Amino acid sequence: MNPLIIAMALLVAVAVEAALPVEAAAPAPQLPRLHAQGTRIVDEAGRPVLLRGVNLGGWLVEEMWMMPFVTQPPDGSAFAPIRDHVTLWNVLKGRFGEAGARRLRTGFRNAWLDEADFDRIREAGFNSVRLPFLYDLLDEPGGWTWLDRGIEWAARRGLYTVLDLHGAPGRQSADHHTGEQGVNRLFRDPGDVAEAERVWAKVARRYRDRFEVVAFDLLNEPMGAPNVSTLYTVQDRLFRAVRRAAPRTMIVVEEGYTGLEKMPFPAVTGWDNGVLSMHAYQFDAKAESDHMARYRSYEKGIDEGLAARQTPFYLGEFNF
């Protein structure tokens, strides 16, 4: 089977702290720039590189199923239920004010993931992380600092980072993990598409010269498109916005559970240095063998699809 780039959810225990840690300066090892070559990802000498990684789940995108929050208010409370990133911080702002909510958010993020976790990731044999973020982060005071910190912590340990836009302007589905449940406006609003282009252009310009930022993952699980044509029309616009800003960084395009066989042919669309991606969840599996049988059943279709498209493959999320 063609090499897979594997990412899994990383859940880290939470304890509340108050302030951002003081980071000691440490030289990061020089990671070679990687690029797509046929169905493989290779380094500058043409040697194949198999990326194995974990998702930094819950850190900058709060998904309630993995979070230690009470999401339902008590009887008689005037506070709304917590469904997603937006309602979480709106409720906390209502309870503690803007400044109080910021302190809580900082304390939570410091506790959910810290630099020592990247040591554990490296020690476990991984060589990359997938870092999900919401576009909302970039509008926070000091929001860029969190991305910078994650990338730097990873780079110091020789870990590549895939930056994953988990929640785009207008939200790319109705799911809560876009940051705002029930919106699903991106694929229907030209203004949101234009804003998503601007967001990616800013991110790409900031990190285009960081070799350790190995790829930009355009849209996590873009399930809200009304049809495949609209899905890839929008993805094409985002791809080109990134490519104008970052000519040499790999770009990941997800199929949003519509099937690899419906994905475009990059040579036709002009998606140079691109990687095709899907996610695979099996919630009915009862044993490891159930998972492995399902994954092996994918191999033939993935091999054929990638051979025809001459593109590497990225398995961005799966459960086990």
Protein backbone atom coordinates (compact mmCIF):
# COMPACT_ATOMS: atom_id res chain seq x y z
CA MET A 1 0.00 0.00 0.00
CA ASN A 2 1.16 3.54 -0.60
CA PRO A 3 2.61 5.30 2.46
CA LEU A 4 0.04 6.71 4.85
CA ILE A 5 0.44 9.80 6.91
CA ILE A 6 -1.27 8.85 10.13
CA ALA A 7 -2.78 11.17 12.73
CA MET A 8 -4.63 10.16 15.87
CA ALA A 9 -6.46 12.06 18.59
CA LEU A 10 -4.26 12.91 21.56
CA LEU A 11 -6.12 13.39 24.83
CA VAL A 12 -4.15 15.03 27.62
CA ALA A 13 -5.22 15.37 31.27
CA VAL A 14 -6.23 18.83 32.46
CA ALA A 15 -5.20 20.84 35.52
CA VAL A 16 -5.74 24.59 35.75
CA GLU A 17 -2.80 26.98 35.70
CA ALA A 18 -2.81 30.75 35.59
CA ALA A 19 -0.15 32.19 33.30
CA LEU A 20 1.67 31.42 30.07
CA PRO A 21 4.87 29.47 30.69
CA VAL A 22 8.21 31.18 30.26
CA GLU A 23 9.93 29.40 27.40
CA ALA A 24 13.69 28.90 27.48
CA ALA A 25 15.40 29.48 24.16
CA ALA A 26 16.51 26.23 22.56
CA PRO A 27 17.79 25.71 19.04
CA ALA A 28 15.41 23.67 16.92
CA PRO A 29 16.90 20.85 14.83
CA GLN A 30 16.88 21.62 11.12
CA LEU A 31 14.17 19.54 9.51
CA PRO A 32 14.48 18.96 5.77
CA ARG A 33 11.77 20.42 3.58
CA LEU A 34 9.42 17.74 2.29
CA HIS A 35 7.41 17.71 -0.93
CA ALA A 36 5.06 15.49 -2.89
CA GLN A 37 6.60 13.35 -5.61
CA GLY A 38 4.20 11.01 -7.33
CA THR A 39 2.40 8.99 -4.66
CA ARG A 40 5.07 9.61 -2.04
CA ILE A 41 6.27 12.39 0.20
CA VAL A 42 10.04 12.79 -0.07
CA ASP A 43 12.84 14.91 1.34
CA GLU A 44 15.14 17.13 -0.71
CA ALA A 45 17.33 14.15 -1.63
CA GLY A 46 14.30 12.24 -2.93
CA ARG A 47 14.15 9.81 0.00
CA PRO A 48 10.58 8.76 0.95
CA VAL A 49 9.36 10.02 4.34
CA LEU A 50 6.46 8.35 6.13
CA LEU A 51 4.82 10.82 8.49
CA ARG A 52 3.36 9.27 11.64
CA GLY A 53 1.65 11.66 14.01
CA VAL A 54 -1.03 12.54 16.51
CA ASN A 55 -3.75 15.16 16.48
CA LEU A 56 -3.43 17.77 19.23
CA GLY A 57 -7.12 17.31 19.98
CA GLY A 58 -9.03 19.70 22.21
CA TRP A 59 -6.24 22.25 22.62
CA LEU A 60 -7.25 25.04 20.24
CA VAL A 61 -10.54 23.47 19.10
CA GLU A 62 -12.75 22.48 22.02
CA GLU A 63 -14.83 19.43 21.09
CA MET A 64 -17.21 18.67 23.91
CA TRP A 65 -17.02 14.87 23.62
CA MET A 66 -13.37 14.98 24.71
CA MET A 67 -13.59 17.90 27.15
CA PRO A 68 -14.07 17.89 30.96
CA PHE A 69 -16.88 20.47 30.91
CA VAL A 70 -20.39 20.34 32.33
CA THR A 71 -22.34 21.28 29.20
CA GLN A 72 -25.90 21.44 30.56
CA PRO A 73 -26.84 24.30 32.93
CA PRO A 74 -28.64 23.42 36.15
CA ASP A 75 -32.41 23.79 36.34
CA GLY A 76 -33.45 27.42 36.55
CA SER A 77 -30.14 28.75 35.19
CA ALA A 78 -30.20 31.57 32.65
CA PHE A 79 -27.05 30.27 30.96
CA ALA A 80 -27.27 28.50 27.61
CA PRO A 81 -26.10 24.90 27.10
CA ILE A 82 -22.51 24.54 25.90
CA ARG A 83 -22.32 22.94 22.46
CA ASP A 84 -19.07 24.21 20.93
CA HIS A 85 -16.22 26.73 21.09
CA VAL A 86 -18.48 29.76 20.63
CA THR A 87 -21.07 28.84 23.26
CA LEU A 88 -18.37 27.74 25.73
CA TRP A 89 -16.62 31.07 25.78
CA ASN A 90 -19.84 33.10 25.53
CA VAL A 91 -21.12 31.38 28.67
CA LEU A 92 -17.84 31.98 30.49
CA LYS A 93 -17.81 35.63 29.39
CA GLY A 94 -21.33 35.95 30.74
CA ARG A 95 -20.26 34.49 34.07
CA PHE A 96 -16.81 36.04 34.53
CA GLY A 97 -16.57 38.95 32.08
CA GLU A 98 -14.25 39.34 29.09
CA ALA A 99 -11.03 39.52 31.13
CA GLY A 100 -12.05 36.61 33.35
CA ALA A 101 -12.88 34.41 30.36
CA ARG A 102 -9.49 35.18 28.80
CA ARG A 103 -7.71 34.15 31.99
CA LEU A 104 -9.69 30.92 32.11
CA ARG A 105 -8.96 30.21 28.45
CA THR A 106 -5.24 30.77 28.97
CA GLY A 107 -5.23 28.57 32.05
CA PHE A 108 -7.11 25.83 30.28
CA ARG A 109 -4.78 25.83 27.25
CA ASN A 110 -1.68 25.82 29.43
CA ALA A 111 -3.02 22.81 31.31
CA TRP A 112 -4.44 20.81 28.40
CA LEU A 113 -1.15 20.66 26.50
CA ASP A 114 2.37 21.70 27.42
CA GLU A 115 5.90 21.28 26.13
CA ALA A 116 6.46 18.00 27.96
CA ASP A 117 3.69 16.41 25.89
CA PHE A 118 5.80 16.90 22.77
CA ASP A 119 8.58 14.93 24.47
CA ARG A 120 6.08 12.11 24.98
CA ILE A 121 5.01 12.28 21.34
CA ARG A 122 8.63 12.04 20.20
CA GLU A 123 9.42 9.24 22.65
CA ALA A 124 6.42 7.26 21.39
CA GLY A 125 8.06 7.14 17.96
CA PHE A 126 6.02 9.77 16.11
CA ASN A 127 7.60 12.35 13.82
CA SER A 128 4.74 14.81 13.32
CA VAL A 129 1.68 16.44 14.84
CA ARG A 130 -1.52 17.68 13.25
CA LEU A 131 -2.49 20.98 14.87
CA PRO A 132 -6.21 21.84 14.51
CA PHE A 133 -7.21 25.49 14.90
CA LEU A 134 -10.26 27.70 14.31
CA TYR A 135 -10.10 30.89 12.30
CA ASP A 136 -11.49 32.57 15.43
CA LEU A 137 -8.11 32.01 17.10
CA LEU A 138 -6.44 34.53 14.82
CA ASP A 139 -8.78 37.28 16.02
CA GLU A 140 -8.01 36.64 19.69
CA PRO A 141 -5.51 38.94 21.43
CA GLY A 142 -2.27 36.99 21.12
CA GLY A 143 -4.00 34.23 19.19
CA TRP A 144 -1.11 33.66 16.80
CA THR A 145 1.14 32.94 19.79
CA TRP A 146 -0.55 29.59 20.34
CA LEU A 147 0.18 28.41 16.81
CA ASP A 148 3.74 29.70 17.06
CA ARG A 149 4.22 27.89 20.35
CA GLY A 150 2.90 24.56 19.10
CA ILE A 151 5.04 24.69 15.96
CA GLU A 152 8.14 25.64 17.95
CA TRP A 153 7.63 22.97 20.62
CA ALA A 154 7.27 20.37 17.88
CA ALA A 155 10.26 21.61 15.88
CA ARG A 156 12.60 21.47 18.89
CA ARG A 157 11.95 17.73 18.99
CA GLY A 158 12.30 17.15 15.28
CA LEU A 159 8.53 16.91 14.76
CA TYR A 160 6.80 18.27 11.68
CA THR A 161 3.49 20.15 12.04
CA VAL A 162 0.46 19.96 9.74
CA LEU A 163 -1.67 23.07 10.28
CA ASP A 164 -5.34 22.10 10.02
CA LEU A 165 -8.13 24.67 9.63
CA HIS A 166 -10.79 22.94 11.71
CA GLY A 167 -13.24 25.84 11.58
CA ALA A 168 -13.40 28.23 8.62
CA PRO A 169 -15.34 31.50 8.26
CA GLY A 170 -19.00 30.57 7.88
CA ARG A 171 -18.14 27.02 9.07
CA GLN A 172 -17.72 24.19 6.58
CA SER A 173 -20.44 21.96 8.10
CA ALA A 174 -23.15 22.05 10.75
CA ASP A 175 -21.02 20.03 13.16
CA HIS A 176 -19.82 21.39 16.50
CA HIS A 177 -16.15 20.77 15.69
CA THR A 178 -16.18 23.68 13.24
CA GLY A 179 -16.37 25.86 16.36
CA GLU A 180 -20.04 26.75 15.93
CA GLN A 181 -22.73 24.12 15.59
CA GLY A 182 -25.56 24.49 13.09
CA VAL A 183 -24.14 27.33 10.95
CA ASN A 184 -22.83 25.60 7.77
CA ARG A 185 -22.60 28.73 5.65
CA LEU A 186 -19.18 28.57 3.98
CA PHE A 187 -20.26 26.77 0.80
CA ARG A 188 -23.23 29.09 0.32
CA ASP A 189 -21.76 32.52 1.05
CA PRO A 190 -19.19 34.09 -1.32
CA GLY A 191 -18.16 36.50 1.41
CA ASP A 192 -17.19 33.66 3.72
CA VAL A 193 -15.20 31.97 0.94
CA ALA A 194 -13.32 35.23 0.31
CA GLU A 195 -12.64 35.57 4.04
CA ALA A 196 -11.38 31.98 4.17
CA GLU A 197 -8.99 32.84 1.33
CA ARG A 198 -7.70 35.81 3.33
CA VAL A 199 -7.27 33.67 6.45
CA TRP A 200 -5.22 31.08 4.59
CA ALA A 201 -3.14 33.74 2.85
CA LYS A 202 -2.18 35.17 6.25
CA VAL A 203 -1.33 31.75 7.69
CA ALA A 204 0.63 30.73 4.59
CA ARG A 205 2.66 33.94 4.52
CA ARG A 206 3.54 33.59 8.21
CA TYR A 207 4.77 30.00 8.00
CA ARG A 208 5.88 29.51 4.41
CA ASP A 209 9.58 29.61 5.29
CA ARG A 210 9.25 27.23 8.25
CA PHE A 211 10.25 23.83 6.85
CA GLU A 212 8.86 22.20 10.00
CA VAL A 213 5.37 23.34 8.93
CA VAL A 214 5.14 20.46 6.50
CA ALA A 215 1.65 21.10 5.11
CA PHE A 216 -1.48 23.22 5.25
CA ASP A 217 -4.70 21.18 5.62
CA LEU A 218 -7.29 23.43 3.93
CA LEU A 219 -10.57 22.33 5.54
CA ASN A 220 -11.20 19.70 8.15
CA GLU A 221 -14.11 17.41 7.20
CA PRO A 222 -15.86 19.82 4.78
CA MET A 223 -19.17 17.95 4.94
CA GLY A 224 -21.45 20.95 4.42
CA ALA A 225 -21.08 21.40 0.67
CA PRO A 226 -24.35 20.84 -1.24
CA ASN A 227 -22.52 18.77 -3.88
CA VAL A 228 -19.06 17.60 -4.90
CA SER A 229 -18.71 20.33 -7.51
CA THR A 230 -19.16 23.09 -4.92
CA LEU A 231 -16.87 21.26 -2.47
CA TYR A 232 -13.93 21.28 -4.85
CA THR A 233 -14.65 24.69 -6.35
CA VAL A 234 -14.20 26.20 -2.89
CA GLN A 235 -11.20 23.98 -2.12
CA ASP A 236 -9.62 25.06 -5.40
CA ARG A 237 -9.97 28.73 -4.43
CA LEU A 238 -8.34 28.06 -1.07
CA PHE A 239 -5.59 25.98 -2.68
CA ARG A 240 -4.71 28.81 -5.02
CA ALA A 241 -4.78 31.40 -2.22
CA VAL A 242 -2.29 29.31 -0.25
CA ARG A 243 -0.12 28.60 -3.27
CA ARG A 244 0.19 32.30 -4.13
CA ALA A 245 1.39 32.98 -0.57
CA ALA A 246 3.46 29.82 -0.05
CA PRO A 247 4.83 28.43 -3.32
CA ARG A 248 6.69 25.46 -1.80
CA THR A 249 4.60 24.11 1.10
CA MET A 250 2.48 20.99 0.64
CA ILE A 251 -1.30 21.45 0.70
CA VAL A 252 -3.74 18.82 1.99
CA VAL A 253 -7.20 18.54 0.40
CA GLU A 254 -9.88 16.52 2.24
CA GLU A 255 -12.81 14.73 0.62
CA GLY A 256 -15.35 15.41 3.37
CA TYR A 257 -16.60 11.79 3.37
CA THR A 258 -17.63 12.00 -0.30
CA GLY A 259 -15.11 9.37 -1.41
CA LEU A 260 -11.60 9.35 -2.81
CA GLU A 261 -12.96 8.24 -6.18
CA LYS A 262 -14.75 11.59 -6.58
CA MET A 263 -11.68 13.69 -5.89
CA PRO A 264 -10.19 15.76 -8.74
CA PHE A 265 -7.05 14.83 -10.65
CA PRO A 266 -4.38 17.28 -9.43
CA ALA A 267 -2.60 17.34 -12.79
CA VAL A 268 -5.83 18.67 -14.31
CA THR A 269 -6.69 21.14 -11.55
CA GLY A 270 -3.11 22.36 -11.28
CA TRP A 271 -2.77 21.36 -7.63
CA ASP A 272 1.00 21.12 -7.50
CA ASN A 273 2.63 19.67 -4.37
CA GLY A 274 -0.77 18.55 -3.12
CA VAL A 275 -1.82 15.65 -0.90
CA LEU A 276 -5.26 14.01 -0.92
CA SER A 277 -6.82 13.10 2.40
CA MET A 278 -9.69 11.31 4.07
CA HIS A 279 -10.76 10.38 7.63
CA ALA A 280 -11.93 6.94 8.75
CA TYR A 281 -14.00 6.27 11.88
CA GLN A 282 -15.45 2.90 12.84
CA PHE A 283 -17.65 3.30 15.88
CA ASP A 284 -19.15 -0.18 15.59
CA ALA A 285 -15.81 -2.00 15.87
CA LYS A 286 -15.53 -4.38 18.84
CA ALA A 287 -11.91 -5.45 18.50
CA GLU A 288 -8.61 -4.47 16.90
CA SER A 289 -9.24 -7.09 14.21
CA ASP A 290 -12.46 -5.30 13.22
CA HIS A 291 -10.53 -2.09 12.65
CA MET A 292 -7.73 -3.76 10.73
CA ALA A 293 -10.10 -5.66 8.46
CA ARG A 294 -11.86 -2.43 7.54
CA TYR A 295 -8.64 -0.53 6.92
CA ARG A 296 -7.26 -3.32 4.76
CA SER A 297 -10.47 -3.25 2.75
CA TYR A 298 -9.64 0.36 1.81
CA GLU A 299 -6.19 -0.45 0.44
CA LYS A 300 -7.07 -1.47 -3.12
CA GLY A 301 -9.28 1.57 -3.75
CA ILE A 302 -6.74 3.96 -2.24
CA ASP A 303 -3.87 2.43 -4.21
CA GLU A 304 -5.80 2.67 -7.47
CA GLY A 305 -7.05 6.18 -6.80
CA LEU A 306 -3.61 7.51 -5.93
CA ALA A 307 -1.86 5.74 -8.79
CA ALA A 308 -4.30 7.36 -11.21
CA ARG A 309 -3.89 10.77 -9.59
CA GLN A 310 -0.16 10.48 -8.79
CA THR A 311 -0.68 12.02 -5.38
CA PRO A 312 0.31 11.05 -1.81
CA PHE A 313 -2.35 10.09 0.72
CA TYR A 314 -2.95 11.48 4.22
CA LEU A 315 -5.12 9.65 6.75
CA GLY A 316 -5.79 12.68 8.93
CA GLU A 317 -7.98 11.08 11.58
CA PHE A 318 -9.09 7.61 12.59
CA ASN A 319 -10.15 5.72 15.71
CA PHE A 320 -8.76 2.53 17.12
